[in-house]
Amino acid sequence: MSSRIEVVSRVSGRRRWTVEQKLAALRDAFGPEGCVRTACERHEVGSGSIYTWRRQAMSGELTGVRKPIEPAFAEVQISEQLALPVPTVAARSNGMIGIELPSGIKVSVDATVDADALSRVIGVLAR
């Protein structure tokens, strides 16, 4: 009686990977004619690790060159409201009024415009 026994070894516990090993697995998985499944089998690594290493490589974390984290909040200081400069008003000959605000915004209105409405519009635009 002859019997054949095949021993399939798996690494137990956590395994340490060098950066070079990770990059080699990524080249096999995502390079030209790459395949994640083939790379997993060849390098004996799970697909989750491959995708984690890809994310780390894309962010620069894998090679130790991390992109600076953008701040999520900015410091804000509230001061008293400053008096706004008076906009210049130029009357035109055809009954139109041209208003140019200090910010460079130009507003043209008819001479019969409601003054209260115009005041609110200028207040919003001057902010």
C-alpha atoms as a PDB file:
ATOM      1  CA  MET A   1       0.000   0.000   0.000  1.00  0.00           C
ATOM      2  CA  SER A   2       1.414   3.307  -0.947  1.00  0.00           C
ATOM      3  CA  SER A   3      -0.071   6.599  -0.008  1.00  0.00           C
ATOM      4  CA  ARG A   4       0.880  10.060  -0.945  1.00  0.00           C
ATOM      5  CA  ILE A   5       0.765  12.835   1.592  1.00  0.00           C
ATOM      6  CA  GLU A   6       0.940  16.494   0.661  1.00  0.00           C
ATOM      7  CA  VAL A   7       1.855  18.916   3.376  1.00  0.00           C
ATOM      8  CA  VAL A   8       0.475  22.426   2.920  1.00  0.00           C
ATOM      9  CA  SER A   9       2.151  24.769   5.276  1.00  0.00           C
ATOM     10  CA  ARG A  10       0.628  27.975   6.504  1.00  0.00           C
ATOM     11  CA  VAL A  11       2.394  30.514   8.570  1.00  0.00           C
ATOM     12  CA  SER A  12       0.725  30.753  11.916  1.00  0.00           C
ATOM     13  CA  GLY A  13       0.534  33.964  13.828  1.00  0.00           C
ATOM     14  CA  ARG A  14       1.445  37.361  12.521  1.00  0.00           C
ATOM     15  CA  ARG A  15       3.966  37.649   9.774  1.00  0.00           C
ATOM     16  CA  ARG A  16       6.258  40.624   9.238  1.00  0.00           C
ATOM     17  CA  TRP A  17       6.650  41.976   5.716  1.00  0.00           C
ATOM     18  CA  THR A  18       9.404  44.257   4.549  1.00  0.00           C
ATOM     19  CA  VAL A  19       8.561  47.222   2.373  1.00  0.00           C
ATOM     20  CA  GLU A  20      10.288  45.505  -0.555  1.00  0.00           C
ATOM     21  CA  GLN A  21       8.146  42.378  -0.102  1.00  0.00           C
ATOM     22  CA  LYS A  22       4.976  44.472   0.034  1.00  0.00           C
ATOM     23  CA  LEU A  23       5.940  46.412  -3.092  1.00  0.00           C
ATOM     24  CA  ALA A  24       6.758  43.165  -4.925  1.00  0.00           C
ATOM     25  CA  ALA A  25       3.327  41.785  -4.055  1.00  0.00           C
ATOM     26  CA  LEU A  26       1.705  45.037  -5.236  1.00  0.00           C
ATOM     27  CA  ARG A  27       3.598  44.869  -8.543  1.00  0.00           C
ATOM     28  CA  ASP A  28       2.345  41.320  -9.051  1.00  0.00           C
ATOM     29  CA  ALA A  29      -1.205  42.289  -8.128  1.00  0.00           C
ATOM     30  CA  PHE A  30      -1.590  45.626  -9.936  1.00  0.00           C
ATOM     31  CA  GLY A  31       1.228  45.729 -12.471  1.00  0.00           C
ATOM     32  CA  PRO A  32       0.836  44.988 -16.172  1.00  0.00           C
ATOM     33  CA  GLU A  33      -1.036  41.708 -16.483  1.00  0.00           C
ATOM     34  CA  GLY A  34      -1.319  41.647 -12.684  1.00  0.00           C
ATOM     35  CA  CYS A  35      -3.853  39.618 -10.761  1.00  0.00           C
ATOM     36  CA  VAL A  36      -4.651  39.991  -7.077  1.00  0.00           C
ATOM     37  CA  ARG A  37      -5.497  36.313  -6.673  1.00  0.00           C
ATOM     38  CA  THR A  38      -2.245  35.175  -8.272  1.00  0.00           C
ATOM     39  CA  ALA A  39      -0.255  37.637  -6.166  1.00  0.00           C
ATOM     40  CA  CYS A  40      -1.964  36.363  -3.014  1.00  0.00           C
ATOM     41  CA  GLU A  41      -1.060  32.770  -3.852  1.00  0.00           C
ATOM     42  CA  ARG A  42       2.505  33.567  -4.914  1.00  0.00           C
ATOM     43  CA  HIS A  43       3.306  35.700  -1.858  1.00  0.00           C
ATOM     44  CA  GLU A  44       1.111  33.756   0.588  1.00  0.00           C
ATOM     45  CA  VAL A  45      -0.793  36.823   1.706  1.00  0.00           C
ATOM     46  CA  GLY A  46      -4.479  37.630   2.040  1.00  0.00           C
ATOM     47  CA  SER A  47      -6.236  39.951  -0.388  1.00  0.00           C
ATOM     48  CA  GLY A  48      -7.108  42.295   2.481  1.00  0.00           C
ATOM     49  CA  SER A  49      -3.419  42.906   3.084  1.00  0.00           C
ATOM     50  CA  ILE A  50      -2.838  43.573  -0.616  1.00  0.00           C
ATOM     51  CA  TYR A  51      -5.525  46.276  -0.669  1.00  0.00           C
ATOM     52  CA  THR A  52      -4.306  47.760   2.619  1.00  0.00           C
ATOM     53  CA  TRP A  53      -0.768  47.973   1.240  1.00  0.00           C
ATOM     54  CA  ARG A  54      -2.083  49.583  -1.956  1.00  0.00           C
ATOM     55  CA  ARG A  55      -3.891  52.267   0.066  1.00  0.00           C
ATOM     56  CA  GLN A  56      -0.749  52.827   2.143  1.00  0.00           C
ATOM     57  CA  ALA A  57       1.424  53.024  -0.994  1.00  0.00           C
ATOM     58  CA  MET A  58      -0.901  55.551  -2.599  1.00  0.00           C
ATOM     59  CA  SER A  59      -0.872  57.764   0.513  1.00  0.00           C
ATOM     60  CA  GLY A  60       2.908  57.496   0.895  1.00  0.00           C
ATOM     61  CA  GLU A  61       2.577  55.774   4.259  1.00  0.00           C
ATOM     62  CA  LEU A  62       4.138  52.529   3.018  1.00  0.00           C
ATOM     63  CA  THR A  63       7.444  54.106   2.035  1.00  0.00           C
ATOM     64  CA  GLY A  64       7.545  56.381   5.065  1.00  0.00           C
ATOM     65  CA  VAL A  65       6.776  59.569   3.141  1.00  0.00           C
ATOM     66  CA  ARG A  66       3.438  60.690   4.473  1.00  0.00           C
ATOM     67  CA  LYS A  67       1.488  63.547   3.001  1.00  0.00           C
ATOM     68  CA  PRO A  68       0.797  66.262   5.550  1.00  0.00           C
ATOM     69  CA  ILE A  69      -2.665  66.024   7.012  1.00  0.00           C
ATOM     70  CA  GLU A  70      -4.842  68.952   6.071  1.00  0.00           C
ATOM     71  CA  PRO A  71      -6.318  70.711   9.090  1.00  0.00           C
ATOM     72  CA  ALA A  72      -9.960  69.924   9.686  1.00  0.00           C
ATOM     73  CA  PHE A  73     -10.656  73.152  11.552  1.00  0.00           C
ATOM     74  CA  ALA A  74      -9.358  76.677  11.232  1.00  0.00           C
ATOM     75  CA  GLU A  75      -9.102  79.190  14.016  1.00  0.00           C
ATOM     76  CA  VAL A  76     -11.699  81.950  13.740  1.00  0.00           C
ATOM     77  CA  GLN A  77     -11.629  85.259  15.547  1.00  0.00           C
ATOM     78  CA  ILE A  78     -14.758  87.366  15.753  1.00  0.00           C
ATOM     79  CA  SER A  79     -14.274  91.082  15.941  1.00  0.00           C
ATOM     80  CA  GLU A  80     -16.663  93.983  16.082  1.00  0.00           C
ATOM     81  CA  GLN A  81     -18.381  94.802  12.825  1.00  0.00           C
ATOM     82  CA  LEU A  82     -16.472  97.409  10.920  1.00  0.00           C
ATOM     83  CA  ALA A  83     -18.207 100.323   9.239  1.00  0.00           C
ATOM     84  CA  LEU A  84     -18.444  99.657   5.530  1.00  0.00           C
ATOM     85  CA  PRO A  85     -17.209 102.328   3.139  1.00  0.00           C
ATOM     86  CA  VAL A  86     -19.950 104.201   1.350  1.00  0.00           C
ATOM     87  CA  PRO A  87     -20.432 102.896  -2.185  1.00  0.00           C
ATOM     88  CA  THR A  88     -20.050 105.334  -5.033  1.00  0.00           C
ATOM     89  CA  VAL A  89     -23.242 106.181  -6.898  1.00  0.00           C
ATOM     90  CA  ALA A  90     -23.174 107.566 -10.413  1.00  0.00           C
ATOM     91  CA  ALA A  91     -26.404 108.747 -12.008  1.00  0.00           C
ATOM     92  CA  ARG A  92     -26.702 108.003 -15.690  1.00  0.00           C
ATOM     93  CA  SER A  93     -28.585 110.053 -18.190  1.00  0.00           C
ATOM     94  CA  ASN A  94     -31.142 107.344 -19.029  1.00  0.00           C
ATOM     95  CA  GLY A  95     -32.579 107.128 -15.488  1.00  0.00           C
ATOM     96  CA  MET A  96     -30.340 104.228 -14.434  1.00  0.00           C
ATOM     97  CA  ILE A  97     -28.192 104.354 -11.314  1.00  0.00           C
ATOM     98  CA  GLY A  98     -24.851 102.555 -11.348  1.00  0.00           C
ATOM     99  CA  ILE A  99     -23.440 101.503  -7.977  1.00  0.00           C
ATOM    100  CA  GLU A 100     -19.917 100.155  -7.623  1.00  0.00           C
ATOM    101  CA  LEU A 101     -19.108  98.583  -4.269  1.00  0.00           C
ATOM    102  CA  PRO A 102     -15.566  98.640  -2.816  1.00  0.00           C
ATOM    103  CA  SER A 103     -15.332  94.908  -3.580  1.00  0.00           C
ATOM    104  CA  GLY A 104     -15.669  95.681  -7.298  1.00  0.00           C
ATOM    105  CA  ILE A 105     -19.266  94.453  -7.628  1.00  0.00           C
ATOM    106  CA  LYS A 106     -21.369  96.704  -9.856  1.00  0.00           C
ATOM    107  CA  VAL A 107     -25.133  97.067  -9.493  1.00  0.00           C
ATOM    108  CA  SER A 108     -27.350  98.954 -11.933  1.00  0.00           C
ATOM    109  CA  VAL A 109     -30.898  99.887 -10.894  1.00  0.00           C
ATOM    110  CA  ASP A 110     -33.691 102.040 -12.212  1.00  0.00           C
ATOM    111  CA  ALA A 111     -34.179 105.401 -10.542  1.00  0.00           C
ATOM    112  CA  THR A 112     -37.547 104.176  -9.223  1.00  0.00           C
ATOM    113  CA  VAL A 113     -36.056 101.282  -7.213  1.00  0.00           C
ATOM    114  CA  ASP A 114     -37.347 100.699  -3.679  1.00  0.00           C
ATOM    115  CA  ALA A 115     -34.701 102.234  -1.392  1.00  0.00           C
ATOM    116  CA  ASP A 116     -35.245  99.683   1.409  1.00  0.00           C
ATOM    117  CA  ALA A 117     -34.869  96.732  -0.960  1.00  0.00           C
ATOM    118  CA  LEU A 118     -31.773  98.295  -2.529  1.00  0.00           C
ATOM    119  CA  SER A 119     -30.292  98.853   0.938  1.00  0.00           C
ATOM    120  CA  ARG A 120     -30.803  95.165   1.821  1.00  0.00           C
ATOM    121  CA  VAL A 121     -29.243  94.034  -1.470  1.00  0.00           C
ATOM    122  CA  ILE A 122     -26.202  96.290  -0.983  1.00  0.00           C
ATOM    123  CA  GLY A 123     -25.869  95.079   2.616  1.00  0.00           C
ATOM    124  CA  VAL A 124     -25.740  91.443   1.457  1.00  0.00           C
ATOM    125  CA  LEU A 125     -23.340  92.146  -1.419  1.00  0.00           C
ATOM    126  CA  ALA A 126     -21.007  94.222   0.759  1.00  0.00           C
ATOM    127  CA  ARG A 127     -20.381  91.355   3.180  1.00  0.00           C
END
